[in-house]
Amino acid sequence: MLYFFLSYARGDDDHYVHKFYRELCSEIRALTGLGRDVEVGFFDSHSIDPGQRWSEKLVEALLECKTFIPLYSPGYFLSEPCGKEWTIFARRTRNHGWPSDQIPPLIPLIWMPQLDVPDVVSPYQWSSDALGDVYNSSGLRRLLRLQRNHDEYVDFVSAVANRIVKAAAAPRLAAPSRVLFDEVPSAFHPGRGPAGAEDHRPVTGPSSMSGGQVVHFVVAAAAGPEAATVRTDTRYYGREPQDWAPYLPTHARPLAEYACNVAAGKSFRSSVATIDQLNELISHANQYNQIIVLLVDVWSTKLHRYHAALHEYDGRNEPTTAVMIPRNPEDAETKAHSGELSDRVRQTFINNALRHDDVMFRSSILTYEAFGADLQVVLEVARNRVFIRGTVYRLPPRQGFARPILEGP
């Protein structure tokens, strides 16, 4: 029996999470009398990068586990894979009709305190007197890291193991008979639904995006009918520019949606906009120390309004704005016109080409996987440039208040 599935966002603390997982498994085996070779939990030590498919073993564990243990952290709620894991297990619980007077099979634990949690997780209680004062005030991370908390940590592991064993003793949860994980929405990202779902698009525009680590993806690609005026094969385009999926047929997911997923994995919030919003976004991003990434279809450089907007952008020096241009080798029409299209790109981005900034100007990204890897580099470099060049906001001077002074007896 698989007693629990440990769901967490990978990062610098992975070795601490692994330690907790091992000791939790040992405690469950002790409580149930199982041998040391019996698998009682699931812990995925391999990162699932955006766009990658989940392993069969992970999928099986998620559908068979008796309880689900999410570790709340800032990265956890930014992670789309973690949000999908939550969705699948929450559906199993809901479909089962879990009685309210029993220990629920979804048992969240706080890794770091003082989090802004999504509404979907707020009904689930993560604190308890049985779990100890240090955990309730500072989270599991602090409990694990400091040696002086060792005894309380041992009690904590025992208490969590007891909860898992009691919850697992309840009637078996039903597993979905058929799950297409590409179509499962993340519980934490309601604006980023399954690929192809028209009512789950990424947020558009800069509203409510001031502050924090933010990247705006600007799609410079035509919708289907407009694309048909410059090329014959229009299967890569949809009803809106945001539908552009240049890596078909291998990857049908819109590029903007994939980019938002990659950004979430790097702890960015993101929005998706069209070329008509570019100037507004540049002004907004410069004001609030944010990043812009242009996702450019080479064919759009043959359309006047796209060429004009991109050429105007090229005339500015925007060191925290990147240009990424996919070139799918399986797109026979693009391959046949590669020389002409390359000339159009050079004419459109004259200054960017002359700067030789190969990190922020990527004119030929051949694969879906290469795009994800390149975007991660772009975001890191842009983040560093924002840190160096960005506007520093200072507190306004105090007016009308005397500075408090402590006086001795």
Protein backbone atom coordinates (compact mmCIF):
# COMPACT_ATOMS: atom_id res chain seq x y z
CA MET A 1 0.00 0.00 0.00
CA LEU A 2 1.29 3.47 -0.90
CA TYR A 3 0.45 5.48 2.21
CA PHE A 4 1.37 8.95 0.96
CA PHE A 5 2.51 11.08 -1.99
CA LEU A 6 4.88 13.91 -1.02
CA SER A 7 4.25 16.89 -3.31
CA TYR A 8 6.83 19.69 -3.21
CA ALA A 9 8.58 22.25 -5.40
CA ARG A 10 12.20 21.45 -6.02
CA GLY A 11 14.87 23.93 -5.01
CA ASP A 12 17.82 24.57 -2.73
CA ASP A 13 16.26 22.68 0.19
CA ASP A 14 15.86 19.34 -1.61
CA HIS A 15 18.23 17.46 0.73
CA TYR A 16 16.18 18.55 3.76
CA VAL A 17 12.96 17.42 2.07
CA HIS A 18 14.58 14.08 1.25
CA LYS A 19 15.63 13.67 4.88
CA PHE A 20 12.07 14.34 6.05
CA TYR A 21 10.70 11.86 3.48
CA ARG A 22 13.04 9.06 4.59
CA GLU A 23 12.29 9.55 8.27
CA LEU A 24 8.55 9.79 7.66
CA CYS A 25 8.67 6.49 5.76
CA SER A 26 10.62 4.86 8.61
CA GLU A 27 8.07 6.04 11.16
CA ILE A 28 5.14 4.75 9.09
CA ARG A 29 6.84 1.37 8.75
CA ALA A 30 7.33 1.28 12.52
CA LEU A 31 3.66 2.09 13.14
CA THR A 32 2.38 -0.50 10.66
CA GLY A 33 4.93 -3.28 11.23
CA LEU A 34 6.03 -3.27 7.60
CA GLY A 35 9.52 -4.25 6.52
CA ARG A 36 12.18 -1.75 5.56
CA ASP A 37 11.96 -2.74 1.88
CA VAL A 38 8.24 -1.98 1.62
CA GLU A 39 7.47 1.18 -0.32
CA VAL A 40 5.11 3.29 1.80
CA GLY A 41 5.56 6.71 0.22
CA PHE A 42 6.39 8.40 -3.06
CA PHE A 43 9.00 11.12 -3.44
CA ASP A 44 10.06 12.31 -6.90
CA SER A 45 13.68 13.42 -6.71
CA HIS A 46 13.81 14.38 -10.40
CA SER A 47 12.70 17.82 -11.50
CA ILE A 48 9.85 17.99 -14.01
CA ASP A 49 10.75 20.90 -16.26
CA PRO A 50 8.00 22.82 -18.03
CA GLY A 51 6.87 20.91 -21.11
CA GLN A 52 8.19 17.55 -19.95
CA ARG A 53 5.86 14.60 -19.49
CA TRP A 54 5.50 13.07 -16.07
CA SER A 55 7.04 9.67 -15.45
CA GLU A 56 4.73 6.65 -15.40
CA LYS A 57 5.83 5.87 -11.86
CA LEU A 58 4.83 9.34 -10.65
CA VAL A 59 1.47 9.11 -12.36
CA GLU A 60 0.76 5.69 -10.86
CA ALA A 61 1.74 6.91 -7.39
CA LEU A 62 -0.52 9.94 -7.63
CA LEU A 63 -3.50 7.80 -8.63
CA GLU A 64 -2.86 5.04 -6.06
CA CYS A 65 -1.68 6.89 -2.92
CA LYS A 66 -3.92 6.92 0.15
CA THR A 67 -2.94 10.43 1.28
CA PHE A 68 -1.46 13.53 -0.34
CA ILE A 69 1.13 15.62 1.56
CA PRO A 70 1.83 19.01 -0.06
CA LEU A 71 4.69 21.12 1.33
CA TYR A 72 3.55 24.74 1.20
CA SER A 73 6.26 27.17 0.05
CA PRO A 74 6.41 30.20 -2.28
CA GLY A 75 7.78 27.97 -5.04
CA TYR A 76 5.07 25.38 -4.47
CA PHE A 77 2.25 27.74 -5.40
CA LEU A 78 4.17 29.01 -8.43
CA SER A 79 4.75 25.49 -9.73
CA GLU A 80 2.27 24.31 -12.36
CA PRO A 81 3.21 20.61 -11.94
CA CYS A 82 2.47 20.92 -8.21
CA GLY A 83 -0.85 22.56 -9.02
CA LYS A 84 -1.71 19.69 -11.36
CA GLU A 85 -0.82 17.12 -8.69
CA TRP A 86 -3.15 18.94 -6.29
CA THR A 87 -5.95 18.97 -8.87
CA ILE A 88 -5.77 15.23 -9.50
CA PHE A 89 -5.80 14.27 -5.85
CA ALA A 90 -8.46 16.83 -4.91
CA ARG A 91 -10.71 15.32 -7.60
CA ARG A 92 -10.22 11.88 -6.12
CA THR A 93 -11.20 13.21 -2.70
CA ARG A 94 -14.22 15.11 -3.98
CA ASN A 95 -15.50 12.20 -6.00
CA HIS A 96 -15.11 9.93 -2.98
CA GLY A 97 -17.39 12.10 -0.81
CA TRP A 98 -15.04 12.23 2.18
CA PRO A 99 -16.85 12.48 5.54
CA SER A 100 -16.12 15.70 7.41
CA ASP A 101 -15.59 13.95 10.77
CA GLN A 102 -12.62 11.86 9.58
CA ILE A 103 -9.00 12.80 9.04
CA PRO A 104 -8.92 14.07 5.43
CA PRO A 105 -6.51 12.36 3.05
CA LEU A 106 -5.13 15.72 1.92
CA ILE A 107 -2.72 16.70 4.71
CA PRO A 108 -0.84 19.95 3.97
CA LEU A 109 2.36 20.90 5.77
CA ILE A 110 3.91 24.35 5.89
CA TRP A 111 7.51 24.50 4.70
CA MET A 112 7.86 28.23 5.17
CA PRO A 113 5.43 30.51 7.07
CA GLN A 114 3.70 33.77 6.13
CA LEU A 115 2.52 32.67 2.70
CA ASP A 116 -0.15 34.13 0.48
CA VAL A 117 -1.98 30.93 -0.41
CA PRO A 118 -4.41 30.46 -3.31
CA ASP A 119 -8.09 30.37 -2.39
CA VAL A 120 -8.35 26.71 -3.35
CA VAL A 121 -6.06 25.63 -0.47
CA SER A 122 -7.39 27.92 2.26
CA PRO A 123 -9.99 25.41 3.59
CA TYR A 124 -7.26 22.94 4.51
CA GLN A 125 -5.75 23.23 8.00
CA TRP A 126 -1.96 22.96 8.19
CA SER A 127 -1.29 23.83 11.84
CA SER A 128 -2.08 21.82 14.96
CA ASP A 129 -1.05 21.79 18.61
CA ALA A 130 0.06 18.19 18.10
CA LEU A 131 2.69 19.32 15.59
CA GLY A 132 4.59 21.59 18.01
CA ASP A 133 5.21 25.28 18.59
CA VAL A 134 8.29 25.64 16.37
CA TYR A 135 6.51 24.13 13.37
CA ASN A 136 3.35 26.19 13.92
CA SER A 137 5.31 29.44 14.13
CA SER A 138 8.24 28.83 11.76
CA GLY A 139 7.43 25.86 9.53
CA LEU A 140 9.04 22.52 8.82
CA ARG A 141 12.11 24.03 7.15
CA ARG A 142 13.26 25.70 10.36
CA LEU A 143 12.39 22.61 12.38
CA LEU A 144 14.71 20.57 10.18
CA ARG A 145 17.60 23.01 9.84
CA LEU A 146 18.34 23.76 13.50
CA GLN A 147 19.85 21.05 15.67
CA ARG A 148 18.30 22.49 18.82
CA ASN A 149 14.88 21.54 17.41
CA HIS A 150 15.78 17.85 17.07
CA ASP A 151 13.49 16.49 19.78
CA GLU A 152 10.53 18.53 18.60
CA TYR A 153 11.23 17.44 15.03
CA VAL A 154 11.13 13.76 16.06
CA ASP A 155 7.76 14.35 17.73
CA PHE A 156 6.57 16.17 14.61
CA VAL A 157 7.46 13.28 12.30
CA SER A 158 5.69 10.86 14.64
CA ALA A 159 2.53 13.03 14.71
CA VAL A 160 2.44 13.35 10.90
CA ALA A 161 2.99 9.60 10.47
CA ASN A 162 0.09 8.90 12.82
CA ARG A 163 -2.19 11.15 10.81
CA ILE A 164 -1.21 9.46 7.57
CA VAL A 165 -1.77 5.95 8.94
CA LYS A 166 -5.18 6.87 10.37
CA ALA A 167 -6.28 8.59 7.16
CA ALA A 168 -5.04 5.63 5.09
CA ALA A 169 -7.17 3.23 7.15
CA ALA A 170 -10.34 4.78 5.71
CA PRO A 171 -12.07 3.23 2.66
CA ARG A 172 -10.04 3.36 -0.53
CA LEU A 173 -10.19 6.52 -2.62
CA ALA A 174 -11.35 6.08 -6.19
CA ALA A 175 -8.76 6.71 -8.90
CA PRO A 176 -9.81 8.34 -12.16
CA SER A 177 -10.17 5.75 -14.90
CA ARG A 178 -8.55 8.01 -17.47
CA VAL A 179 -6.29 11.00 -16.90
CA LEU A 180 -4.72 13.11 -19.65
CA PHE A 181 -2.24 15.19 -17.71
CA ASP A 182 -1.73 17.69 -20.53
CA GLU A 183 -5.40 18.55 -20.10
CA VAL A 184 -5.36 18.82 -16.30
CA PRO A 185 -5.46 22.44 -15.08
CA SER A 186 -3.26 23.60 -12.23
CA ALA A 187 -5.30 24.33 -9.12
CA PHE A 188 -3.00 27.28 -8.39
CA HIS A 189 -3.15 28.88 -11.86
CA PRO A 190 -6.78 29.31 -12.88
CA GLY A 191 -5.71 31.64 -15.68
CA ARG A 192 -3.56 28.92 -17.21
CA GLY A 193 -5.83 26.06 -18.05
CA PRO A 194 -5.22 23.06 -20.24
CA ALA A 195 -3.75 23.60 -23.66
CA GLY A 196 -6.42 24.56 -26.14
CA ALA A 197 -9.02 25.60 -23.59
CA GLU A 198 -10.22 29.01 -24.69
CA ASP A 199 -11.56 30.03 -21.28
CA HIS A 200 -8.24 29.50 -19.47
CA ARG A 201 -5.81 31.91 -21.06
CA PRO A 202 -2.90 33.60 -19.27
CA VAL A 203 -3.59 37.07 -17.90
CA THR A 204 -3.39 39.80 -20.52
CA GLY A 205 -1.97 43.24 -19.94
CA PRO A 206 -0.04 44.76 -17.02
CA SER A 207 -2.96 45.38 -14.66
CA SER A 208 -2.39 44.08 -11.13
CA MET A 209 1.17 43.13 -12.11
CA SER A 210 3.12 45.95 -10.45
CA GLY A 211 5.84 44.76 -8.12
CA GLY A 212 7.53 41.43 -7.56
CA GLN A 213 9.28 39.41 -10.25
CA VAL A 214 7.16 39.93 -13.35
CA VAL A 215 7.70 39.11 -17.01
CA HIS A 216 5.41 40.15 -19.85
CA PHE A 217 5.39 37.94 -22.94
CA VAL A 218 4.47 39.86 -26.10
CA VAL A 219 3.36 37.60 -28.96
CA ALA A 220 4.36 38.97 -32.36
CA ALA A 221 2.42 36.46 -34.42
CA ALA A 222 -0.68 36.82 -36.54
CA ALA A 223 -4.00 35.11 -36.07
CA GLY A 224 -4.92 32.51 -38.67
CA PRO A 225 -6.67 34.67 -41.30
CA GLU A 226 -3.95 37.34 -41.19
CA ALA A 227 -1.19 34.73 -41.36
CA ALA A 228 -2.82 33.34 -44.49
CA THR A 229 -1.97 36.57 -46.33
CA VAL A 230 1.77 35.81 -46.17
CA ARG A 231 2.01 32.02 -46.03
CA THR A 232 0.12 28.90 -47.09
CA ASP A 233 0.51 26.55 -44.11
CA THR A 234 -1.51 28.19 -41.31
CA ARG A 235 -1.94 25.24 -38.95
CA TYR A 236 0.43 26.90 -36.47
CA TYR A 237 -2.01 29.76 -35.85
CA GLY A 238 -5.35 30.11 -34.11
CA ARG A 239 -8.09 32.66 -33.73
CA GLU A 240 -5.84 34.93 -31.64
CA PRO A 241 -2.09 35.68 -31.69
CA GLN A 242 -1.76 33.95 -28.29
CA ASP A 243 -2.75 30.65 -29.97
CA TRP A 244 0.46 30.52 -32.01
CA ALA A 245 2.10 27.08 -31.62
CA PRO A 246 5.25 27.11 -33.79
CA TYR A 247 6.49 23.65 -32.75
CA LEU A 248 3.60 21.67 -34.20
CA PRO A 249 3.11 18.79 -34.82
CA THR A 250 5.44 17.62 -32.03
CA HIS A 251 4.14 20.13 -29.48
CA ALA A 252 0.64 21.53 -29.85
CA ARG A 253 0.75 23.78 -26.81
CA PRO A 254 0.69 27.56 -27.55
CA LEU A 255 4.15 29.03 -27.08
CA ALA A 256 2.94 31.82 -24.80
CA GLU A 257 1.36 29.32 -22.42
CA TYR A 258 4.55 27.27 -22.34
CA ALA A 259 6.58 30.44 -21.68
CA CYS A 260 4.38 31.31 -18.70
CA ASN A 261 4.97 27.81 -17.34
CA VAL A 262 8.75 28.17 -17.67
CA ALA A 263 8.57 31.58 -15.97
CA ALA A 264 6.57 30.16 -13.06
CA GLY A 265 9.32 27.61 -12.56
CA LYS A 266 11.76 30.52 -12.13
CA SER A 267 9.46 32.23 -9.58
CA PHE A 268 8.08 34.84 -11.99
CA ARG A 269 4.51 35.98 -12.40
CA SER A 270 3.65 36.54 -16.03
CA SER A 271 1.23 38.10 -18.45
CA VAL A 272 0.65 37.63 -22.17
CA ALA A 273 0.06 40.55 -24.53
CA THR A 274 -0.05 41.27 -28.25
CA ILE A 275 2.16 43.51 -30.37
CA ASP A 276 -0.40 46.33 -30.10
CA GLN A 277 0.36 46.60 -26.39
CA LEU A 278 4.15 46.68 -26.73
CA ASN A 279 4.79 50.39 -26.18
CA GLU A 280 2.46 50.52 -23.17
CA LEU A 281 4.16 47.48 -21.68
CA ILE A 282 7.68 48.85 -22.18
CA SER A 283 6.73 52.01 -20.31
CA HIS A 284 5.07 50.01 -17.54
CA ALA A 285 7.96 47.54 -17.27
CA ASN A 286 10.57 50.31 -17.06
CA GLN A 287 8.59 52.02 -14.32
CA TYR A 288 8.19 48.90 -12.20
CA ASN A 289 11.48 47.08 -12.94
CA GLN A 290 9.84 44.31 -14.93
CA ILE A 291 10.93 42.22 -17.91
CA ILE A 292 9.55 41.87 -21.44
CA VAL A 293 10.16 38.93 -23.75
CA LEU A 294 9.07 39.20 -27.38
CA LEU A 295 7.97 35.90 -28.93
CA VAL A 296 8.38 36.58 -32.64
CA ASP A 297 7.10 34.59 -35.61
CA VAL A 298 9.51 35.12 -38.53
CA TRP A 299 6.52 35.41 -40.88
CA SER A 300 5.18 38.38 -38.91
CA THR A 301 8.11 40.47 -40.18
CA LYS A 302 6.43 40.34 -43.62
CA LEU A 303 3.27 41.97 -42.24
CA HIS A 304 3.51 45.77 -42.20
CA ARG A 305 2.05 46.48 -38.76
CA TYR A 306 4.21 43.84 -37.09
CA HIS A 307 7.36 44.93 -38.91
CA ALA A 308 6.71 48.59 -38.03
CA ALA A 309 6.11 47.90 -34.32
CA LEU A 310 9.13 45.60 -34.02
CA HIS A 311 11.38 47.97 -35.98
CA GLU A 312 10.32 50.85 -33.72
CA TYR A 313 11.16 48.71 -30.68
CA ASP A 314 14.54 47.88 -32.25
CA GLY A 315 15.38 51.59 -32.36
CA ARG A 316 15.32 51.71 -28.56
CA ASN A 317 17.95 50.28 -26.26
CA GLU A 318 15.99 48.05 -23.89
CA PRO A 319 18.57 45.83 -22.12
CA THR A 320 15.95 44.04 -20.02
CA THR A 321 13.82 43.11 -23.04
CA ALA A 322 14.55 39.94 -25.00
CA VAL A 323 13.63 38.73 -28.48
CA MET A 324 13.08 35.00 -29.04
CA ILE A 325 12.40 33.67 -32.55
CA PRO A 326 11.48 29.97 -32.98
CA ARG A 327 12.45 28.16 -36.20
CA ASN A 328 10.85 24.75 -36.38
CA PRO A 329 12.84 22.46 -38.74
CA GLU A 330 9.64 20.45 -39.32
CA ASP A 331 7.93 23.54 -40.76
CA ALA A 332 8.69 22.85 -44.42
CA GLU A 333 7.37 26.19 -45.70
CA THR A 334 9.48 28.20 -43.26
CA LYS A 335 12.52 26.08 -44.11
CA ALA A 336 11.98 26.66 -47.85
CA HIS A 337 11.89 30.44 -47.32
CA SER A 338 14.61 30.59 -44.65
CA GLY A 339 16.90 32.93 -46.60
CA GLU A 340 14.16 35.46 -47.34
CA LEU A 341 12.84 35.30 -43.77
CA SER A 342 16.32 35.73 -42.29
CA ASP A 343 16.75 38.89 -44.37
CA ARG A 344 13.42 40.20 -43.07
CA VAL A 345 14.51 39.53 -39.49
CA ARG A 346 17.78 41.41 -40.02
CA GLN A 347 15.94 44.35 -41.58
CA THR A 348 13.47 44.42 -38.70
CA PHE A 349 16.03 44.06 -35.90
CA ILE A 350 19.00 45.99 -37.30
CA ASN A 351 20.25 47.32 -33.98
CA ASN A 352 19.68 44.12 -32.03
CA ALA A 353 21.69 42.21 -34.62
CA LEU A 354 24.53 44.75 -34.45
CA ARG A 355 24.69 44.60 -30.64
CA HIS A 356 25.59 40.91 -30.77
CA ASP A 357 23.74 40.31 -27.51
CA ASP A 358 23.26 36.60 -28.15
CA VAL A 359 21.61 36.07 -24.78
CA MET A 360 18.77 38.55 -25.21
CA PHE A 361 18.41 38.26 -29.00
CA ARG A 362 17.87 34.64 -30.06
CA SER A 363 17.02 34.51 -33.73
CA SER A 364 16.85 30.77 -34.36
CA ILE A 365 15.47 28.48 -31.65
CA LEU A 366 15.04 25.11 -33.30
CA THR A 367 13.22 22.99 -30.73
CA TYR A 368 10.60 23.21 -28.02
CA GLU A 369 13.11 21.97 -25.45
CA ALA A 370 15.73 24.50 -26.57
CA PHE A 371 13.16 27.27 -26.21
CA GLY A 372 12.50 26.30 -22.58
CA ALA A 373 16.21 26.13 -21.76
CA ASP A 374 16.95 29.42 -23.54
CA LEU A 375 14.09 31.19 -21.81
CA GLN A 376 15.38 30.17 -18.39
CA VAL A 377 18.75 31.77 -19.25
CA VAL A 378 17.04 34.89 -20.62
CA LEU A 379 15.03 35.34 -17.43
CA GLU A 380 18.08 34.99 -15.18
CA VAL A 381 20.13 37.47 -17.21
CA ALA A 382 17.23 39.92 -17.41
CA ARG A 383 16.64 39.63 -13.67
CA ASN A 384 20.30 40.51 -13.01
CA ARG A 385 20.12 43.47 -15.40
CA VAL A 386 17.01 44.77 -13.69
CA PHE A 387 18.82 44.52 -10.36
CA ILE A 388 21.78 46.53 -11.72
CA ARG A 389 19.92 49.06 -13.88
CA GLY A 390 16.47 49.25 -12.33
CA THR A 391 14.87 52.19 -10.57
CA VAL A 392 15.42 52.31 -6.83
CA TYR A 393 12.33 53.44 -4.96
CA ARG A 394 12.98 55.21 -1.69
CA LEU A 395 10.60 55.93 1.15
CA PRO A 396 9.27 59.51 1.13
CA PRO A 397 10.77 61.84 3.76
CA ARG A 398 8.93 61.97 7.05
CA GLN A 399 6.94 65.13 7.61
CA GLY A 400 5.34 66.36 10.78
CA PHE A 401 6.60 63.53 12.98
CA ALA A 402 9.27 63.81 15.61
CA ARG A 403 11.79 61.02 15.71
CA PRO A 404 11.08 58.82 18.76
CA ILE A 405 13.86 58.76 21.33
CA LEU A 406 14.07 56.32 24.20
CA GLU A 407 15.03 57.99 27.44
CA GLY A 408 16.59 56.26 30.39
CA PRO A 409 15.21 56.36 33.89
